Structures are given as C-alpha cells and as structure tokens.
C-alpha cells in the first residue's frame, strides 16, 4: 500500500531536513522544500507520484 507521511518538525532539524515523504512500492519520493506562493506540499507530492506512476518503466 502506498503511503504519505509528514516528517515531524523539530527545532533540532534544519529546514532542509524537513519535508514530506511518499512511498510507492519500493520507491520513496521525498519532497524537501520551503513552499511559497500557492503551490502546496500536497500538490508537489501528487505531481511526483503521478510522474512516477506514468513514467516508471521498471514494471
């Protein structure tokens, strides 16, 4: 089953170490960024997942 997890934010973590993680099968897509404007983390994760599903040629 594919999962999306939000990594806990901690004062000890640098902003570059925080983010979201998506697991599709054996692959993990990690979105690490400070989002600005109207694009959200969920939109970025969705886009990455769609690209992975559409363009993955290993199956």
PDB file of N, CA and C in Angstrom:
ATOM      1  N   UNK A   1       0.844  -1.177   0.000  1.00  0.00           N
ATOM      2  CA  UNK A   1       0.000   0.000   0.000  1.00  0.00           C
ATOM      3  C   UNK A   1       0.887   1.237   0.000  1.00  0.00           C
ATOM      4  N   UNK A   2       0.537   2.219  -0.808  1.00  0.00           N
ATOM      5  CA  UNK A   2       1.296   3.453  -0.887  1.00  0.00           C
ATOM      6  C   UNK A   2       0.971   4.325   0.310  1.00  0.00           C
ATOM      7  N   UNK A   3       1.970   5.017   0.802  1.00  0.00           N
ATOM      8  CA  UNK A   3       1.755   5.844   1.985  1.00  0.00           C
ATOM      9  C   UNK A   3       2.360   7.218   1.789  1.00  0.00           C
ATOM     10  N   UNK A   4       1.778   8.181   2.447  1.00  0.00           N
ATOM     11  CA  UNK A   4       2.327   9.531   2.504  1.00  0.00           C
ATOM     12  C   UNK A   4       2.472   9.867   3.970  1.00  0.00           C
ATOM     13  N   UNK A   5       3.665  10.293   4.354  1.00  0.00           N
ATOM     14  CA  UNK A   5       3.886  10.652   5.746  1.00  0.00           C
ATOM     15  C   UNK A   5       4.452  12.055   5.821  1.00  0.00           C
ATOM     16  N   UNK A   6       4.126  12.733   6.877  1.00  0.00           N
ATOM     17  CA  UNK A   6       4.683  14.056   7.139  1.00  0.00           C
ATOM     18  C   UNK A   6       5.718  13.875   8.231  1.00  0.00           C
ATOM     19  N   UNK A   7       6.952  14.230   7.909  1.00  0.00           N
ATOM     20  CA  UNK A   7       8.007  14.076   8.892  1.00  0.00           C
ATOM     21  C   UNK A   7       7.832  15.117   9.984  1.00  0.00           C
ATOM     22  N   UNK A   8       8.019  14.721  11.229  1.00  0.00           N
ATOM     23  CA  UNK A   8       7.804  15.670  12.326  1.00  0.00           C
ATOM     24  C   UNK A   8       8.787  16.832  12.271  1.00  0.00           C
ATOM     25  N   UNK A   9       8.275  18.008  12.536  1.00  0.00           N
ATOM     26  CA  UNK A   9       9.138  19.180  12.579  1.00  0.00           C
ATOM     27  C   UNK A   9       9.697  19.313  13.983  1.00  0.00           C
ATOM     28  N   UNK A  10      10.955  19.580  14.061  1.00  0.00           N
ATOM     29  CA  UNK A  10      11.625  19.673  15.342  1.00  0.00           C
ATOM     30  C   UNK A  10      12.571  20.858  15.291  1.00  0.00           C
ATOM     31  N   UNK A  11      12.725  21.575  16.384  1.00  0.00           N
ATOM     32  CA  UNK A  11      13.664  22.689  16.379  1.00  0.00           C
ATOM     33  C   UNK A  11      15.097  22.252  16.063  1.00  0.00           C
ATOM     34  N   UNK A  12      15.412  20.977  16.304  1.00  0.00           N
ATOM     35  CA  UNK A  12      16.763  20.478  16.051  1.00  0.00           C
ATOM     36  C   UNK A  12      17.020  20.249  14.570  1.00  0.00           C
ATOM     37  N   UNK A  13      15.966  20.162  13.748  1.00  0.00           N
ATOM     38  CA  UNK A  13      16.140  19.910  12.329  1.00  0.00           C
ATOM     39  C   UNK A  13      16.302  21.208  11.557  1.00  0.00           C
ATOM     40  N   UNK A  14      17.203  21.178  10.606  1.00  0.00           N
ATOM     41  CA  UNK A  14      17.352  22.305   9.687  1.00  0.00           C
ATOM     42  C   UNK A  14      16.164  22.289   8.724  1.00  0.00           C
ATOM     43  N   UNK A  15      15.783  23.436   8.173  1.00  0.00           N
ATOM     44  CA  UNK A  15      14.674  23.449   7.215  1.00  0.00           C
ATOM     45  C   UNK A  15      14.890  22.493   6.052  1.00  0.00           C
ATOM     46  N   UNK A  16      16.137  22.299   5.628  1.00  0.00           N
ATOM     47  CA  UNK A  16      16.414  21.398   4.511  1.00  0.00           C
ATOM     48  C   UNK A  16      16.209  19.936   4.877  1.00  0.00           C
ATOM     49  N   UNK A  17      16.097  19.626   6.167  1.00  0.00           N
ATOM     50  CA  UNK A  17      15.896  18.248   6.609  1.00  0.00           C
ATOM     51  C   UNK A  17      14.431  17.947   6.887  1.00  0.00           C
ATOM     52  N   UNK A  18      13.561  18.919   6.743  1.00  0.00           N
ATOM     53  CA  UNK A  18      12.139  18.732   6.983  1.00  0.00           C
ATOM     54  C   UNK A  18      11.451  18.539   5.647  1.00  0.00           C
ATOM     55  N   UNK A  19      10.314  17.899   5.662  1.00  0.00           N
ATOM     56  CA  UNK A  19       9.590  17.749   4.416  1.00  0.00           C
ATOM     57  C   UNK A  19       8.569  16.651   4.465  1.00  0.00           C
ATOM     58  N   UNK A  20       8.192  16.193   3.299  1.00  0.00           N
ATOM     59  CA  UNK A  20       7.187  15.155   3.148  1.00  0.00           C
ATOM     60  C   UNK A  20       7.805  13.994   2.399  1.00  0.00           C
ATOM     61  N   UNK A  21       7.264  12.813   2.633  1.00  0.00           N
ATOM     62  CA  UNK A  21       7.800  11.609   2.027  1.00  0.00           C
ATOM     63  C   UNK A  21       6.655  10.777   1.475  1.00  0.00           C
ATOM     64  N   UNK A  22       6.817  10.264   0.260  1.00  0.00           N
ATOM     65  CA  UNK A  22       5.810   9.436  -0.394  1.00  0.00           C
ATOM     66  C   UNK A  22       6.462   8.117  -0.763  1.00  0.00           C
ATOM     67  N   UNK A  23       5.831   7.003  -0.398  1.00  0.00           N
ATOM     68  CA  UNK A  23       6.361   5.696  -0.746  1.00  0.00           C
ATOM     69  C   UNK A  23       5.416   5.033  -1.735  1.00  0.00           C
ATOM     70  N   UNK A  24       5.954   4.665  -2.891  1.00  0.00           N
ATOM     71  CA  UNK A  24       5.202   3.940  -3.910  1.00  0.00           C
ATOM     72  C   UNK A  24       5.955   2.638  -4.134  1.00  0.00           C
ATOM     73  N   UNK A  25       5.380   1.555  -3.679  1.00  0.00           N
ATOM     74  CA  UNK A  25       6.070   0.271  -3.780  1.00  0.00           C
ATOM     75  C   UNK A  25       7.373   0.313  -2.995  1.00  0.00           C
ATOM     76  N   UNK A  26       8.482   0.031  -3.680  1.00  0.00           N
ATOM     77  CA  UNK A  26       9.794   0.050  -3.019  1.00  0.00           C
ATOM     78  C   UNK A  26      10.436   1.422  -3.059  1.00  0.00           C
ATOM     79  N   UNK A  27       9.872   2.339  -3.827  1.00  0.00           N
ATOM     80  CA  UNK A  27      10.481   3.649  -4.031  1.00  0.00           C
ATOM     81  C   UNK A  27       9.946   4.675  -3.049  1.00  0.00           C
ATOM     82  N   UNK A  28      10.832   5.537  -2.596  1.00  0.00           N
ATOM     83  CA  UNK A  28      10.445   6.622  -1.706  1.00  0.00           C
ATOM     84  C   UNK A  28      10.780   7.942  -2.396  1.00  0.00           C
ATOM     85  N   UNK A  29       9.783   8.795  -2.505  1.00  0.00           N
ATOM     86  CA  UNK A  29       9.964  10.134  -3.069  1.00  0.00           C
ATOM     87  C   UNK A  29       9.905  11.094  -1.894  1.00  0.00           C
ATOM     88  N   UNK A  30      10.937  11.888  -1.728  1.00  0.00           N
ATOM     89  CA  UNK A  30      10.988  12.817  -0.608  1.00  0.00           C
ATOM     90  C   UNK A  30      10.914  14.242  -1.146  1.00  0.00           C
ATOM     91  N   UNK A  31       9.986  14.994  -0.625  1.00  0.00           N
ATOM     92  CA  UNK A  31       9.813  16.390  -1.019  1.00  0.00           C
ATOM     93  C   UNK A  31      10.341  17.231   0.130  1.00  0.00           C
ATOM     94  N   UNK A  32      11.437  17.919  -0.139  1.00  0.00           N
ATOM     95  CA  UNK A  32      12.045  18.757   0.889  1.00  0.00           C
ATOM     96  C   UNK A  32      12.177  20.147   0.292  1.00  0.00           C
ATOM     97  N   UNK A  33      11.394  21.055   0.787  1.00  0.00           N
ATOM     98  CA  UNK A  33      11.429  22.404   0.247  1.00  0.00           C
ATOM     99  C   UNK A  33      10.635  23.335   1.150  1.00  0.00           C
ATOM    100  N   UNK A  34      10.919  24.579   1.025  1.00  0.00           N
ATOM    101  CA  UNK A  34      10.092  25.593   1.653  1.00  0.00           C
ATOM    102  C   UNK A  34       9.209  26.111   0.530  1.00  0.00           C
ATOM    103  N   UNK A  35       7.921  25.877   0.654  1.00  0.00           N
ATOM    104  CA  UNK A  35       6.998  26.240  -0.406  1.00  0.00           C
ATOM    105  C   UNK A  35       6.555  27.684  -0.244  1.00  0.00           C
ATOM    106  N   UNK A  36       6.482  28.356  -1.367  1.00  0.00           N
ATOM    107  CA  UNK A  36       5.992  29.732  -1.347  1.00  0.00           C
ATOM    108  C   UNK A  36       4.944  29.879  -2.437  1.00  0.00           C
ATOM    109  N   UNK A  37       4.181  30.887  -2.338  1.00  0.00           N
ATOM    110  CA  UNK A  37       3.121  31.093  -3.313  1.00  0.00           C
ATOM    111  C   UNK A  37       1.947  30.177  -3.041  1.00  0.00           C
ATOM    112  N   UNK A  38       1.299  29.722  -4.117  1.00  0.00           N
ATOM    113  CA  UNK A  38       0.093  28.930  -3.943  1.00  0.00           C
ATOM    114  C   UNK A  38       0.340  27.437  -4.061  1.00  0.00           C
ATOM    115  N   UNK A  39       1.528  27.015  -4.424  1.00  0.00           N
ATOM    116  CA  UNK A  39       1.818  25.585  -4.550  1.00  0.00           C
ATOM    117  C   UNK A  39       2.061  24.994  -3.165  1.00  0.00           C
ATOM    118  N   UNK A  40       1.367  23.923  -2.866  1.00  0.00           N
ATOM    119  CA  UNK A  40       1.487  23.318  -1.550  1.00  0.00           C
ATOM    120  C   UNK A  40       2.298  22.024  -1.634  1.00  0.00           C
ATOM    121  N   UNK A  41       2.688  21.516  -0.488  1.00  0.00           N
ATOM    122  CA  UNK A  41       3.432  20.257  -0.432  1.00  0.00           C
ATOM    123  C   UNK A  41       2.602  19.126  -1.030  1.00  0.00           C
ATOM    124  N   UNK A  42       1.305  19.116  -0.741  1.00  0.00           N
ATOM    125  CA  UNK A  42       0.471  18.034  -1.273  1.00  0.00           C
ATOM    126  C   UNK A  42       0.422  18.077  -2.796  1.00  0.00           C
ATOM    127  N   UNK A  43       0.433  19.270  -3.381  1.00  0.00           N
ATOM    128  CA  UNK A  43       0.463  19.373  -4.840  1.00  0.00           C
ATOM    129  C   UNK A  43       1.780  18.839  -5.402  1.00  0.00           C
ATOM    130  N   UNK A  44       2.877  19.150  -4.746  1.00  0.00           N
ATOM    131  CA  UNK A  44       4.177  18.662  -5.197  1.00  0.00           C
ATOM    132  C   UNK A  44       4.265  17.146  -5.074  1.00  0.00           C
ATOM    133  N   UNK A  45       3.749  16.598  -3.978  1.00  0.00           N
ATOM    134  CA  UNK A  45       3.748  15.148  -3.789  1.00  0.00           C
ATOM    135  C   UNK A  45       2.868  14.481  -4.842  1.00  0.00           C
ATOM    136  N   UNK A  46       1.705  15.052  -5.091  1.00  0.00           N
ATOM    137  CA  UNK A  46       0.804  14.500  -6.099  1.00  0.00           C
ATOM    138  C   UNK A  46       1.486  14.483  -7.461  1.00  0.00           C
ATOM    139  N   UNK A  47       2.126  15.571  -7.830  1.00  0.00           N
ATOM    140  CA  UNK A  47       2.820  15.657  -9.112  1.00  0.00           C
ATOM    141  C   UNK A  47       3.927  14.606  -9.208  1.00  0.00           C
ATOM    142  N   UNK A  48       4.713  14.453  -8.144  1.00  0.00           N
ATOM    143  CA  UNK A  48       5.789  13.458  -8.141  1.00  0.00           C
ATOM    144  C   UNK A  48       5.225  12.048  -8.265  1.00  0.00           C
ATOM    145  N   UNK A  49       4.136  11.769  -7.571  1.00  0.00           N
ATOM    146  CA  UNK A  49       3.524  10.440  -7.627  1.00  0.00           C
ATOM    147  C   UNK A  49       2.984  10.144  -9.016  1.00  0.00           C
ATOM    148  N   UNK A  50       2.333  11.111  -9.629  1.00  0.00           N
ATOM    149  CA  UNK A  50       1.787  10.918 -10.970  1.00  0.00           C
ATOM    150  C   UNK A  50       2.919  10.662 -11.958  1.00  0.00           C
ATOM    151  N   UNK A  51       3.986  11.441 -11.877  1.00  0.00           N
ATOM    152  CA  UNK A  51       5.125  11.229 -12.773  1.00  0.00           C
ATOM    153  C   UNK A  51       5.729   9.842 -12.562  1.00  0.00           C
ATOM    154  N   UNK A  52       5.846   9.425 -11.318  1.00  0.00           N
ATOM    155  CA  UNK A  52       6.409   8.111 -11.006  1.00  0.00           C
ATOM    156  C   UNK A  52       5.534   7.015 -11.598  1.00  0.00           C
ATOM    157  N   UNK A  53       4.229   7.124 -11.419  1.00  0.00           N
ATOM    158  CA  UNK A  53       3.308   6.102 -11.917  1.00  0.00           C
ATOM    159  C   UNK A  53       3.292   6.091 -13.446  1.00  0.00           C
ATOM    160  N   UNK A  54       3.255   7.260 -14.069  1.00  0.00           N
ATOM    161  CA  UNK A  54       3.161   7.338 -15.531  1.00  0.00           C
ATOM    162  C   UNK A  54       4.457   6.959 -16.241  1.00  0.00           C
ATOM    163  N   UNK A  55       5.584   7.333 -15.665  1.00  0.00           N
ATOM    164  CA  UNK A  55       6.847   7.179 -16.382  1.00  0.00           C
ATOM    165  C   UNK A  55       7.729   6.062 -15.855  1.00  0.00           C
ATOM    166  N   UNK A  56       7.281   5.325 -14.850  1.00  0.00           N
ATOM    167  CA  UNK A  56       8.066   4.207 -14.332  1.00  0.00           C
ATOM    168  C   UNK A  56       7.998   3.068 -15.339  1.00  0.00           C
ATOM    169  N   UNK A  57       9.157   2.709 -15.900  1.00  0.00           N
ATOM    170  CA  UNK A  57       9.203   1.666 -16.917  1.00  0.00           C
ATOM    171  C   UNK A  57       9.727   0.349 -16.366  1.00  0.00           C
ATOM    172  N   UNK A  58       9.957   0.245 -15.064  1.00  0.00           N
ATOM    173  CA  UNK A  58      10.528  -0.969 -14.490  1.00  0.00           C
ATOM    174  C   UNK A  58       9.512  -2.084 -14.299  1.00  0.00           C
ATOM    175  N   UNK A  59       8.200  -1.800 -14.444  1.00  0.00           N
ATOM    176  CA  UNK A  59       7.213  -2.862 -14.225  1.00  0.00           C
ATOM    177  C   UNK A  59       6.777  -3.497 -15.513  1.00  0.00           C
TER     178      UNK A  59
END
